[in-house]
Structures are given as C-alpha cells and as structure tokens.
Amino acid sequence: MQPEWAQVEAVEVRERPGPAVWHLTRGNSEVWLLGLAGALPRDLDWNKQYLSELLDGARAILMPPKADIALTDIAWFLIRHGGELSLPRGQSLEDGLPEDLRARFIAARDRVGGDAGDYRTDIPIRAAMRLQQDLREKQDFSFREPRSTIENLAYRKRIKNDPVTRFQAMDAIREVLTLTPQQQRACLAQAVEDVNWAIGHADRAARAWAVGDIRTVKANYSEWRLGTCIMAAVQKFSDIDGRNVSEYVAAIDAALDKPGKTIVVINMGSLLRKNGVLERLTARHIQIEAPAE
C-alpha cells in the first residue's frame, strides 16, 4: 500500500548522487536519517563510498527494529503447527476462492513462476506468504542489501550498530493462525496486489533510491499490503508497528541530546508517511535539512 506521504517543510540540501539522507541537529549533536526503499537489484552499482563517508566519525548506528526470535523457535513452531497451514483432506485452495480472486491469484502466481502444486492445499494466508517467497526468487534482488553493506562498513569502522528496538513476535505469529477464512482471503488478495505492484515498481524505486531521487521513490515505493492486512487483523502486530514508530522518535530525540553524530537507518514508509517519524520530529521543532525532491 502506498503511504499517504507527510508534508514536511525543510531546508533543501543537494549532495552528489547517493542515497537520500535527512540531517537533524540540536546543539553539538547531529543525527543523519538514511531512508531505505526495499531490496536492491543485484546488478545495481550504487555509491557505497558516499555511505562510507557518511558513517565516518559516527558514534553509533541505529538499525531497523528486529524480532527477538531465533530461527530454532520458528522451526519448532512450524513443525508443531504445520498442519494448520494446510487445508483439510479433499479441499484445495483454488476451489475455496471467489472467482475473481481465483483468477487474479493464478495470474500473480504464474507471474512469479510459482508451482501450482505447492499451493494446492495451502490455507489462504500460507498461500499469501508463499507468493512473497516466490516473488523474491523471481526478482534478481538482494534482500540483504543495503543493510549488509551498512553493517559491514560499521564493523570495519568499529561503529556500534544495534536495532532501534527489539520486539517479541511469537505471540503475534501464533495469532495469525486464528484468522478466519474470510480474513485470510482478504490478505491473499492484498498479497496479489503486492506482487503486481512490485513487478512494475520495485526496480524503479530501488534505482531512484540509489541516486537520492525522492520524487521517483515516492511514486514507486509501496509498503507491503499483506503486512498491512495482517496488522489490521492481528492486534499484536498492529501494536508492534505503532511502538516501532514511537521507539524511533524517542531514540532520535535521545541521540540529539548526546554530543556527536548518530546514523539512523529506517524504512521510507515509517520515515515519511503521515504521522510517521519525520512528521512527529517536526512537531517537536527539531531542525531538519531534507534532500531535494
């Protein structure tokens, strides 16, 4: 879902081509916000030196929120509840979908090269997640970039980097299994829209991000509709999202009370949408220099 972008007045600064950053200052403290627009194409030759220079002299880097859950916990959960992700014997996913959604789902599945047999007995929410997995395999994107580059630079420069917050996710994951068939079908419909949007826009958003073209990023960036659907249906996920934005604002405000430079890495949606991080910081009368659009 494309965010409703906030209208934030700020001083425009122009730099040589590189990812867009927002510069916040208070006294002898400064915070640089680096917005992310999703995964990057593997063939994208972007200006890593620009980022390296930005990190020089930083006392800390705050990364996006991280789920406080181990892969072993996820594996245990799937082993124990795997049967709940499949339909009862004799039922099939496509037979249980309304005609319009069935046609759109099949078209999206075919666009990402999904195997119909893999989906055949999925409950709708599992099919929605599988669509995202197949989309990732279809697109030649690196889903670790640019975060991997940021983390490697931080390690080489001996800059401490931690997630802005950690959150418990297992209870929310369990609650996903309680969604009604109607709720699941609604989320599958959103996942279909995610696929169609990403195939047409994700590459443009990433390449615009690499050169700081915020106008084009906004025109092509979308937060995952599936995630929005799940958050609307699962209260625990909704709570997590709301807390994450508040945690960012609090962490940035606290960093501006400490001497030196802090780098904050944040998704464009959380940063720029209505009632997002930048709009809330503006309400606190923090001085902001923004990239040109």
C-alpha atoms as a PDB file:
ATOM      1  CA  MET A   1       0.000   0.000   0.000  1.00  0.00           C
ATOM      2  CA  GLN A   2       1.445   3.359  -0.983  1.00  0.00           C
ATOM      3  CA  PRO A   3       1.758   5.536   2.135  1.00  0.00           C
ATOM      4  CA  GLU A   4      -0.038   8.854   2.430  1.00  0.00           C
ATOM      5  CA  TRP A   5       3.093  10.980   2.451  1.00  0.00           C
ATOM      6  CA  ALA A   6       3.527  13.674   5.076  1.00  0.00           C
ATOM      7  CA  GLN A   7       4.005  17.300   4.009  1.00  0.00           C
ATOM      8  CA  VAL A   8       7.067  18.385   5.957  1.00  0.00           C
ATOM      9  CA  GLU A   9       8.721  21.740   5.316  1.00  0.00           C
ATOM     10  CA  ALA A  10      12.512  21.598   5.489  1.00  0.00           C
ATOM     11  CA  VAL A  11      15.638  23.227   4.112  1.00  0.00           C
ATOM     12  CA  GLU A  12      16.714  21.507   0.898  1.00  0.00           C
ATOM     13  CA  VAL A  13      20.344  20.466   0.515  1.00  0.00           C
ATOM     14  CA  ARG A  14      21.906  18.897  -2.552  1.00  0.00           C
ATOM     15  CA  GLU A  15      24.787  16.429  -2.484  1.00  0.00           C
ATOM     16  CA  ARG A  16      26.494  14.356  -5.141  1.00  0.00           C
ATOM     17  CA  PRO A  17      24.439  11.341  -6.275  1.00  0.00           C
ATOM     18  CA  GLY A  18      23.862   8.883  -3.475  1.00  0.00           C
ATOM     19  CA  PRO A  19      21.045   7.660  -1.219  1.00  0.00           C
ATOM     20  CA  ALA A  20      18.937  10.424   0.299  1.00  0.00           C
ATOM     21  CA  VAL A  21      19.569  11.440   3.900  1.00  0.00           C
ATOM     22  CA  TRP A  22      17.868  13.800   6.338  1.00  0.00           C
ATOM     23  CA  HIS A  23      20.061  15.836   8.695  1.00  0.00           C
ATOM     24  CA  LEU A  24      18.839  16.713  12.185  1.00  0.00           C
ATOM     25  CA  THR A  25      20.745  18.923  14.608  1.00  0.00           C
ATOM     26  CA  ARG A  26      20.477  20.140  18.179  1.00  0.00           C
ATOM     27  CA  GLY A  27      23.371  21.962  19.762  1.00  0.00           C
ATOM     28  CA  ASN A  28      26.552  19.949  19.163  1.00  0.00           C
ATOM     29  CA  SER A  29      24.624  16.792  18.269  1.00  0.00           C
ATOM     30  CA  GLU A  30      23.560  15.585  14.838  1.00  0.00           C
ATOM     31  CA  VAL A  31      21.536  12.678  13.504  1.00  0.00           C
ATOM     32  CA  TRP A  32      21.547  11.509   9.880  1.00  0.00           C
ATOM     33  CA  LEU A  33      18.476   9.552   8.779  1.00  0.00           C
ATOM     34  CA  LEU A  34      19.055   7.119   5.917  1.00  0.00           C
ATOM     35  CA  GLY A  35      15.749   6.017   4.378  1.00  0.00           C
ATOM     36  CA  LEU A  36      15.504   2.564   2.788  1.00  0.00           C
ATOM     37  CA  ALA A  37      13.246   1.767  -0.179  1.00  0.00           C
ATOM     38  CA  GLY A  38      13.408  -2.030  -0.096  1.00  0.00           C
ATOM     39  CA  ALA A  39      15.760  -4.626  -1.535  1.00  0.00           C
ATOM     40  CA  LEU A  40      18.262  -3.703  -4.246  1.00  0.00           C
ATOM     41  CA  PRO A  41      18.766  -5.280  -7.702  1.00  0.00           C
ATOM     42  CA  ARG A  42      21.921  -7.386  -7.715  1.00  0.00           C
ATOM     43  CA  ASP A  43      23.249  -5.503 -10.744  1.00  0.00           C
ATOM     44  CA  LEU A  44      22.809  -2.079  -9.126  1.00  0.00           C
ATOM     45  CA  ASP A  45      26.097  -0.183  -8.933  1.00  0.00           C
ATOM     46  CA  TRP A  46      25.328   2.343  -6.216  1.00  0.00           C
ATOM     47  CA  ASN A  47      27.552   4.855  -4.462  1.00  0.00           C
ATOM     48  CA  LYS A  48      28.846   2.944  -1.431  1.00  0.00           C
ATOM     49  CA  GLN A  49      31.652   5.471  -0.954  1.00  0.00           C
ATOM     50  CA  TYR A  50      29.023   8.117  -0.264  1.00  0.00           C
ATOM     51  CA  LEU A  51      27.655   5.936   2.516  1.00  0.00           C
ATOM     52  CA  SER A  52      31.125   5.146   3.850  1.00  0.00           C
ATOM     53  CA  GLU A  53      31.918   8.848   4.171  1.00  0.00           C
ATOM     54  CA  LEU A  54      28.592   9.468   5.893  1.00  0.00           C
ATOM     55  CA  LEU A  55      29.487   6.895   8.554  1.00  0.00           C
ATOM     56  CA  ASP A  56      32.905   8.424   9.273  1.00  0.00           C
ATOM     57  CA  GLY A  57      33.045   9.708  12.842  1.00  0.00           C
ATOM     58  CA  ALA A  58      29.677   8.307  13.859  1.00  0.00           C
ATOM     59  CA  ARG A  59      29.403   7.206  17.465  1.00  0.00           C
ATOM     60  CA  ALA A  60      26.542   4.761  16.783  1.00  0.00           C
ATOM     61  CA  ILE A  61      24.200   3.388  14.125  1.00  0.00           C
ATOM     62  CA  LEU A  62      20.577   2.544  14.846  1.00  0.00           C
ATOM     63  CA  MET A  63      19.186  -0.144  12.545  1.00  0.00           C
ATOM     64  CA  PRO A  64      15.517  -1.059  11.891  1.00  0.00           C
ATOM     65  CA  PRO A  65      13.603  -2.980  14.603  1.00  0.00           C
ATOM     66  CA  LYS A  66      14.428  -6.659  14.930  1.00  0.00           C
ATOM     67  CA  ALA A  67      12.243  -9.538  16.071  1.00  0.00           C
ATOM     68  CA  ASP A  68      13.625 -11.119  19.217  1.00  0.00           C
ATOM     69  CA  ILE A  69      13.099 -14.646  17.939  1.00  0.00           C
ATOM     70  CA  ALA A  70      15.511 -17.380  16.941  1.00  0.00           C
ATOM     71  CA  LEU A  71      15.316 -19.467  13.782  1.00  0.00           C
ATOM     72  CA  THR A  72      15.059 -22.535  16.018  1.00  0.00           C
ATOM     73  CA  ASP A  73      11.886 -21.087  17.561  1.00  0.00           C
ATOM     74  CA  ILE A  74      10.365 -20.561  14.107  1.00  0.00           C
ATOM     75  CA  ALA A  75      11.327 -24.091  13.057  1.00  0.00           C
ATOM     76  CA  TRP A  76       9.742 -25.536  16.208  1.00  0.00           C
ATOM     77  CA  PHE A  77       6.589 -23.531  15.623  1.00  0.00           C
ATOM     78  CA  LEU A  78       6.251 -24.712  12.007  1.00  0.00           C
ATOM     79  CA  ILE A  79       6.855 -28.346  12.979  1.00  0.00           C
ATOM     80  CA  ARG A  80       4.221 -28.189  15.700  1.00  0.00           C
ATOM     81  CA  HIS A  81       1.641 -26.191  13.732  1.00  0.00           C
ATOM     82  CA  GLY A  82       2.450 -27.141  10.149  1.00  0.00           C
ATOM     83  CA  GLY A  83      -0.819 -28.998   9.770  1.00  0.00           C
ATOM     84  CA  GLU A  84      -2.757 -25.817  10.500  1.00  0.00           C
ATOM     85  CA  LEU A  85      -1.201 -24.219   7.406  1.00  0.00           C
ATOM     86  CA  SER A  86      -2.803 -26.837   5.157  1.00  0.00           C
ATOM     87  CA  LEU A  87      -6.440 -27.370   4.240  1.00  0.00           C
ATOM     88  CA  PRO A  88      -8.314 -30.488   5.362  1.00  0.00           C
ATOM     89  CA  ARG A  89      -8.005 -33.537   3.142  1.00  0.00           C
ATOM     90  CA  GLY A  90     -10.058 -33.236  -0.033  1.00  0.00           C
ATOM     91  CA  GLN A  91     -10.074 -29.439  -0.100  1.00  0.00           C
ATOM     92  CA  SER A  92      -7.999 -27.196  -2.362  1.00  0.00           C
ATOM     93  CA  LEU A  93      -7.028 -23.543  -2.186  1.00  0.00           C
ATOM     94  CA  GLU A  94      -8.403 -22.522  -5.579  1.00  0.00           C
ATOM     95  CA  ASP A  95     -11.773 -24.202  -5.043  1.00  0.00           C
ATOM     96  CA  GLY A  96     -12.286 -22.090  -1.919  1.00  0.00           C
ATOM     97  CA  LEU A  97     -11.571 -18.736  -3.559  1.00  0.00           C
ATOM     98  CA  PRO A  98     -14.186 -16.421  -5.102  1.00  0.00           C
ATOM     99  CA  GLU A  99     -13.984 -16.463  -8.894  1.00  0.00           C
ATOM    100  CA  ASP A 100     -12.423 -13.001  -9.255  1.00  0.00           C
ATOM    101  CA  LEU A 101      -9.787 -13.600  -6.588  1.00  0.00           C
ATOM    102  CA  ARG A 102      -9.033 -17.056  -8.005  1.00  0.00           C
ATOM    103  CA  ALA A 103      -8.298 -15.585 -11.429  1.00  0.00           C
ATOM    104  CA  ARG A 104      -6.126 -12.789 -10.032  1.00  0.00           C
ATOM    105  CA  PHE A 105      -4.288 -15.186  -7.731  1.00  0.00           C
ATOM    106  CA  ILE A 106      -3.496 -17.638 -10.549  1.00  0.00           C
ATOM    107  CA  ALA A 107      -2.241 -14.788 -12.743  1.00  0.00           C
ATOM    108  CA  ALA A 108       0.023 -13.486  -9.952  1.00  0.00           C
ATOM    109  CA  ARG A 109       1.287 -16.964  -9.123  1.00  0.00           C
ATOM    110  CA  ASP A 110       2.157 -17.522 -12.777  1.00  0.00           C
ATOM    111  CA  ARG A 111       3.930 -14.142 -12.977  1.00  0.00           C
ATOM    112  CA  VAL A 112       6.319 -15.184 -10.203  1.00  0.00           C
ATOM    113  CA  GLY A 113       6.771 -18.699 -11.569  1.00  0.00           C
ATOM    114  CA  GLY A 114       5.033 -20.429  -8.670  1.00  0.00           C
ATOM    115  CA  ASP A 115       4.306 -24.142  -8.848  1.00  0.00           C
ATOM    116  CA  ALA A 116       0.549 -24.744  -8.640  1.00  0.00           C
ATOM    117  CA  GLY A 117       1.177 -27.999  -6.796  1.00  0.00           C
ATOM    118  CA  ASP A 118       2.980 -26.205  -3.965  1.00  0.00           C
ATOM    119  CA  TYR A 119      -0.069 -24.030  -3.332  1.00  0.00           C
ATOM    120  CA  ARG A 120      -2.760 -26.653  -3.847  1.00  0.00           C
ATOM    121  CA  THR A 121      -3.552 -27.394  -0.178  1.00  0.00           C
ATOM    122  CA  ASP A 122      -2.346 -24.113   1.376  1.00  0.00           C
ATOM    123  CA  ILE A 123      -4.700 -22.165   3.580  1.00  0.00           C
ATOM    124  CA  PRO A 124      -5.051 -18.661   2.064  1.00  0.00           C
ATOM    125  CA  ILE A 125      -2.649 -16.944   4.484  1.00  0.00           C
ATOM    126  CA  ARG A 126       0.049 -19.524   3.729  1.00  0.00           C
ATOM    127  CA  ALA A 127      -0.525 -19.018   0.008  1.00  0.00           C
ATOM    128  CA  ALA A 128      -0.132 -15.261   0.533  1.00  0.00           C
ATOM    129  CA  MET A 129       3.223 -15.787   2.227  1.00  0.00           C
ATOM    130  CA  ARG A 130       4.303 -18.284  -0.432  1.00  0.00           C
ATOM    131  CA  LEU A 131       3.543 -15.679  -3.124  1.00  0.00           C
ATOM    132  CA  GLN A 132       6.008 -13.323  -1.452  1.00  0.00           C
ATOM    133  CA  GLN A 133       8.630 -16.065  -1.297  1.00  0.00           C
ATOM    134  CA  ASP A 134       8.199 -16.883  -4.982  1.00  0.00           C
ATOM    135  CA  LEU A 135       8.336 -13.171  -5.839  1.00  0.00           C
ATOM    136  CA  ARG A 136      11.704 -12.919  -4.098  1.00  0.00           C
ATOM    137  CA  GLU A 137      13.028 -15.844  -6.087  1.00  0.00           C
ATOM    138  CA  LYS A 138      11.631 -14.388  -9.320  1.00  0.00           C
ATOM    139  CA  GLN A 139      13.243 -10.985  -8.881  1.00  0.00           C
ATOM    140  CA  ASP A 140      17.028 -10.830  -9.061  1.00  0.00           C
ATOM    141  CA  PHE A 141      17.213  -8.725  -5.908  1.00  0.00           C
ATOM    142  CA  SER A 142      19.493  -8.904  -2.905  1.00  0.00           C
ATOM    143  CA  PHE A 143      17.202  -8.762   0.106  1.00  0.00           C
ATOM    144  CA  ARG A 144      20.186  -8.245   2.421  1.00  0.00           C
ATOM    145  CA  GLU A 145      21.153  -5.014   0.673  1.00  0.00           C
ATOM    146  CA  PRO A 146      21.748  -2.253   1.514  1.00  0.00           C
ATOM    147  CA  ARG A 147      21.675  -3.365   5.160  1.00  0.00           C
ATOM    148  CA  SER A 148      24.552  -5.783   4.647  1.00  0.00           C
ATOM    149  CA  THR A 149      26.770  -3.004   3.279  1.00  0.00           C
ATOM    150  CA  ILE A 150      25.854  -0.748   6.206  1.00  0.00           C
ATOM    151  CA  GLU A 151      26.640  -3.471   8.745  1.00  0.00           C
ATOM    152  CA  ASN A 152      29.950  -4.329   7.053  1.00  0.00           C
ATOM    153  CA  LEU A 153      31.005  -0.686   6.987  1.00  0.00           C
ATOM    154  CA  ALA A 154      30.064  -0.324  10.641  1.00  0.00           C
ATOM    155  CA  TYR A 155      32.183  -3.357  11.524  1.00  0.00           C
ATOM    156  CA  ARG A 156      35.191  -2.067   9.571  1.00  0.00           C
ATOM    157  CA  LYS A 157      34.892   1.391  11.111  1.00  0.00           C
ATOM    158  CA  ARG A 158      34.250  -0.066  14.591  1.00  0.00           C
ATOM    159  CA  ILE A 159      30.948   1.727  14.967  1.00  0.00           C
ATOM    160  CA  LYS A 160      28.429   0.165  17.316  1.00  0.00           C
ATOM    161  CA  ASN A 161      25.220  -0.780  15.493  1.00  0.00           C
ATOM    162  CA  ASP A 162      22.066  -2.090  17.123  1.00  0.00           C
ATOM    163  CA  PRO A 163      18.371  -2.275  16.199  1.00  0.00           C
ATOM    164  CA  VAL A 164      16.411   0.726  17.393  1.00  0.00           C
ATOM    165  CA  THR A 165      14.281  -1.762  19.332  1.00  0.00           C
ATOM    166  CA  ARG A 166      13.679  -5.488  19.665  1.00  0.00           C
ATOM    167  CA  PHE A 167      10.211  -6.969  19.835  1.00  0.00           C
ATOM    168  CA  GLN A 168       8.604 -10.258  20.735  1.00  0.00           C
ATOM    169  CA  ALA A 169       6.983 -11.733  17.623  1.00  0.00           C
ATOM    170  CA  MET A 170       5.988 -15.290  18.522  1.00  0.00           C
ATOM    171  CA  ASP A 171       2.648 -14.394  20.115  1.00  0.00           C
ATOM    172  CA  ALA A 172       1.721 -12.387  17.021  1.00  0.00           C
ATOM    173  CA  ILE A 173       2.789 -15.251  14.739  1.00  0.00           C
ATOM    174  CA  ARG A 174       0.574 -17.642  16.710  1.00  0.00           C
ATOM    175  CA  GLU A 175      -2.346 -15.244  16.379  1.00  0.00           C
ATOM    176  CA  VAL A 176      -2.045 -15.337  12.577  1.00  0.00           C
ATOM    177  CA  LEU A 177      -3.299 -18.931  12.724  1.00  0.00           C
ATOM    178  CA  THR A 178      -6.535 -17.725  14.318  1.00  0.00           C
ATOM    179  CA  LEU A 179      -7.548 -15.564  11.338  1.00  0.00           C
ATOM    180  CA  THR A 180     -10.899 -16.518   9.835  1.00  0.00           C
ATOM    181  CA  PRO A 181     -11.038 -17.838   6.254  1.00  0.00           C
ATOM    182  CA  GLN A 182     -12.596 -14.514   5.203  1.00  0.00           C
ATOM    183  CA  GLN A 183      -9.728 -12.553   6.780  1.00  0.00           C
ATOM    184  CA  GLN A 184      -7.201 -14.867   5.150  1.00  0.00           C
ATOM    185  CA  ARG A 185      -8.753 -14.453   1.707  1.00  0.00           C
ATOM    186  CA  ALA A 186      -8.643 -10.672   2.150  1.00  0.00           C
ATOM    187  CA  CYS A 187      -4.928 -10.881   2.946  1.00  0.00           C
ATOM    188  CA  LEU A 188      -4.312 -13.158  -0.028  1.00  0.00           C
ATOM    189  CA  ALA A 189      -5.945 -10.512  -2.234  1.00  0.00           C
ATOM    190  CA  GLN A 190      -3.528  -7.953  -0.786  1.00  0.00           C
ATOM    191  CA  ALA A 191      -0.580 -10.254  -1.467  1.00  0.00           C
ATOM    192  CA  VAL A 192      -1.687 -10.485  -5.104  1.00  0.00           C
ATOM    193  CA  GLU A 193      -1.604  -6.688  -5.264  1.00  0.00           C
ATOM    194  CA  ASP A 194       1.880  -6.716  -3.695  1.00  0.00           C
ATOM    195  CA  VAL A 195       3.149  -8.979  -6.467  1.00  0.00           C
ATOM    196  CA  ASN A 196       1.642  -6.902  -9.241  1.00  0.00           C
ATOM    197  CA  TRP A 197       2.983  -3.654  -7.777  1.00  0.00           C
ATOM    198  CA  ALA A 198       6.478  -4.997  -7.060  1.00  0.00           C
ATOM    199  CA  ILE A 199       6.968  -6.387 -10.557  1.00  0.00           C
ATOM    200  CA  GLY A 200       6.171  -2.997 -12.069  1.00  0.00           C
ATOM    201  CA  HIS A 201       7.702  -0.647  -9.498  1.00  0.00           C
ATOM    202  CA  ALA A 202      10.255  -2.203  -7.098  1.00  0.00           C
ATOM    203  CA  ASP A 203      13.176  -1.917  -9.524  1.00  0.00           C
ATOM    204  CA  ARG A 204      12.372   1.751 -10.239  1.00  0.00           C
ATOM    205  CA  ALA A 205      12.109   2.558  -6.530  1.00  0.00           C
ATOM    206  CA  ALA A 206      15.462   0.912  -5.792  1.00  0.00           C
ATOM    207  CA  ARG A 207      17.321   2.658  -8.621  1.00  0.00           C
ATOM    208  CA  ALA A 208      15.802   6.011  -7.663  1.00  0.00           C
ATOM    209  CA  TRP A 209      16.842   5.399  -4.043  1.00  0.00           C
ATOM    210  CA  ALA A 210      20.446   4.854  -5.137  1.00  0.00           C
ATOM    211  CA  VAL A 211      20.693   8.386  -6.553  1.00  0.00           C
ATOM    212  CA  GLY A 212      18.558  10.174  -3.966  1.00  0.00           C
ATOM    213  CA  ASP A 213      15.595  10.738  -6.299  1.00  0.00           C
ATOM    214  CA  ILE A 214      12.916  11.009  -3.619  1.00  0.00           C
ATOM    215  CA  ARG A 215      10.149  12.044  -6.013  1.00  0.00           C
ATOM    216  CA  THR A 216      10.545   8.841  -8.026  1.00  0.00           C
ATOM    217  CA  VAL A 217      10.943   6.754  -4.880  1.00  0.00           C
ATOM    218  CA  LYS A 218       7.618   8.045  -3.568  1.00  0.00           C
ATOM    219  CA  ALA A 219       5.930   7.314  -6.901  1.00  0.00           C
ATOM    220  CA  ASN A 220       7.137   3.705  -6.892  1.00  0.00           C
ATOM    221  CA  TYR A 221       7.551   2.735  -3.244  1.00  0.00           C
ATOM    222  CA  SER A 222       4.866   0.729  -1.511  1.00  0.00           C
ATOM    223  CA  GLU A 223       4.616  -0.823   1.897  1.00  0.00           C
ATOM    224  CA  TRP A 224       3.520  -4.457   1.737  1.00  0.00           C
ATOM    225  CA  ARG A 225      -0.269  -4.684   1.557  1.00  0.00           C
ATOM    226  CA  LEU A 226      -0.062  -8.166   3.048  1.00  0.00           C
ATOM    227  CA  GLY A 227       1.688  -6.743   6.093  1.00  0.00           C
ATOM    228  CA  THR A 228      -0.935  -4.019   6.406  1.00  0.00           C
ATOM    229  CA  CYS A 229      -3.709  -6.610   6.159  1.00  0.00           C
ATOM    230  CA  ILE A 230      -2.163  -8.842   8.811  1.00  0.00           C
ATOM    231  CA  MET A 231      -1.574  -5.889  11.135  1.00  0.00           C
ATOM    232  CA  ALA A 232      -5.202  -4.836  10.761  1.00  0.00           C
ATOM    233  CA  ALA A 233      -6.380  -8.330  11.676  1.00  0.00           C
ATOM    234  CA  VAL A 234      -3.791  -9.244  14.321  1.00  0.00           C
ATOM    235  CA  GLN A 235      -3.772  -6.759  17.173  1.00  0.00           C
ATOM    236  CA  LYS A 236      -0.341  -7.799  18.420  1.00  0.00           C
ATOM    237  CA  PHE A 237       1.263  -6.964  15.053  1.00  0.00           C
ATOM    238  CA  SER A 238      -0.557  -3.625  14.989  1.00  0.00           C
ATOM    239  CA  ASP A 239       0.774  -2.839  18.444  1.00  0.00           C
ATOM    240  CA  ILE A 240       4.315  -3.688  17.320  1.00  0.00           C
ATOM    241  CA  ASP A 241       4.126  -1.330  14.329  1.00  0.00           C
ATOM    242  CA  GLY A 242       2.837   1.563  16.420  1.00  0.00           C
ATOM    243  CA  ARG A 243       5.503   1.026  19.066  1.00  0.00           C
ATOM    244  CA  ASN A 244       8.268   0.891  16.455  1.00  0.00           C
ATOM    245  CA  VAL A 245       7.483   4.395  15.155  1.00  0.00           C
ATOM    246  CA  SER A 246       7.364   5.729  18.713  1.00  0.00           C
ATOM    247  CA  GLU A 247      10.644   3.975  19.534  1.00  0.00           C
ATOM    248  CA  TYR A 248      12.322   5.609  16.540  1.00  0.00           C
ATOM    249  CA  VAL A 249      11.149   9.087  17.572  1.00  0.00           C
ATOM    250  CA  ALA A 250      12.267   8.560  21.164  1.00  0.00           C
ATOM    251  CA  ALA A 251      15.655   7.144  20.111  1.00  0.00           C
ATOM    252  CA  ILE A 252      16.331  10.005  17.685  1.00  0.00           C
ATOM    253  CA  ASP A 253      15.331  12.600  20.267  1.00  0.00           C
ATOM    254  CA  ALA A 254      17.638  10.944  22.805  1.00  0.00           C
ATOM    255  CA  ALA A 255      20.520  10.826  20.300  1.00  0.00           C
ATOM    256  CA  LEU A 256      20.175  14.586  19.781  1.00  0.00           C
ATOM    257  CA  ASP A 257      20.888  15.043  23.497  1.00  0.00           C
ATOM    258  CA  LYS A 258      24.279  13.316  23.119  1.00  0.00           C
ATOM    259  CA  PRO A 259      27.331  15.002  21.560  1.00  0.00           C
ATOM    260  CA  GLY A 260      28.496  13.691  18.202  1.00  0.00           C
ATOM    261  CA  LYS A 261      26.957  12.003  15.177  1.00  0.00           C
ATOM    262  CA  THR A 262      24.416   9.185  15.073  1.00  0.00           C
ATOM    263  CA  ILE A 263      23.228   7.378  11.935  1.00  0.00           C
ATOM    264  CA  VAL A 264      19.661   6.062  11.868  1.00  0.00           C
ATOM    265  CA  VAL A 265      18.568   3.536   9.219  1.00  0.00           C
ATOM    266  CA  ILE A 266      14.807   3.468   8.653  1.00  0.00           C
ATOM    267  CA  ASN A 267      12.298   2.324   6.025  1.00  0.00           C
ATOM    268  CA  MET A 268      10.877   5.113   3.849  1.00  0.00           C
ATOM    269  CA  GLY A 269       7.308   4.293   4.859  1.00  0.00           C
ATOM    270  CA  SER A 270       7.969   4.679   8.584  1.00  0.00           C
ATOM    271  CA  LEU A 271      10.006   7.810   7.929  1.00  0.00           C
ATOM    272  CA  LEU A 272       7.832   9.783   5.509  1.00  0.00           C
ATOM    273  CA  ARG A 273       4.224   8.623   5.777  1.00  0.00           C
ATOM    274  CA  LYS A 274       1.522  10.624   7.538  1.00  0.00           C
ATOM    275  CA  ASN A 275       2.103  10.558  11.307  1.00  0.00           C
ATOM    276  CA  GLY A 276       5.439   8.911  10.586  1.00  0.00           C
ATOM    277  CA  VAL A 277       8.788   9.572  12.204  1.00  0.00           C
ATOM    278  CA  LEU A 278       9.710  12.746  10.307  1.00  0.00           C
ATOM    279  CA  GLU A 279       6.332  14.382  10.861  1.00  0.00           C
ATOM    280  CA  ARG A 280       6.473  13.624  14.580  1.00  0.00           C
ATOM    281  CA  LEU A 281      10.023  15.000  14.823  1.00  0.00           C
ATOM    282  CA  THR A 282       8.909  18.163  13.031  1.00  0.00           C
ATOM    283  CA  ALA A 283       6.173  18.588  15.627  1.00  0.00           C
ATOM    284  CA  ARG A 284       8.927  18.651  18.245  1.00  0.00           C
ATOM    285  CA  HIS A 285      10.507  21.624  16.434  1.00  0.00           C
ATOM    286  CA  ILE A 286      13.702  19.748  15.618  1.00  0.00           C
ATOM    287  CA  GLN A 287      15.775  21.404  12.897  1.00  0.00           C
ATOM    288  CA  ILE A 288      15.728  19.256   9.751  1.00  0.00           C
ATOM    289  CA  GLU A 289      17.604  19.543   6.474  1.00  0.00           C
ATOM    290  CA  ALA A 290      15.953  17.401   3.802  1.00  0.00           C
ATOM    291  CA  PRO A 291      17.098  16.128   0.391  1.00  0.00           C
ATOM    292  CA  ALA A 292      15.737  17.909  -2.651  1.00  0.00           C
ATOM    293  CA  GLU A 293      12.752  16.410  -4.436  1.00  0.00           C
END
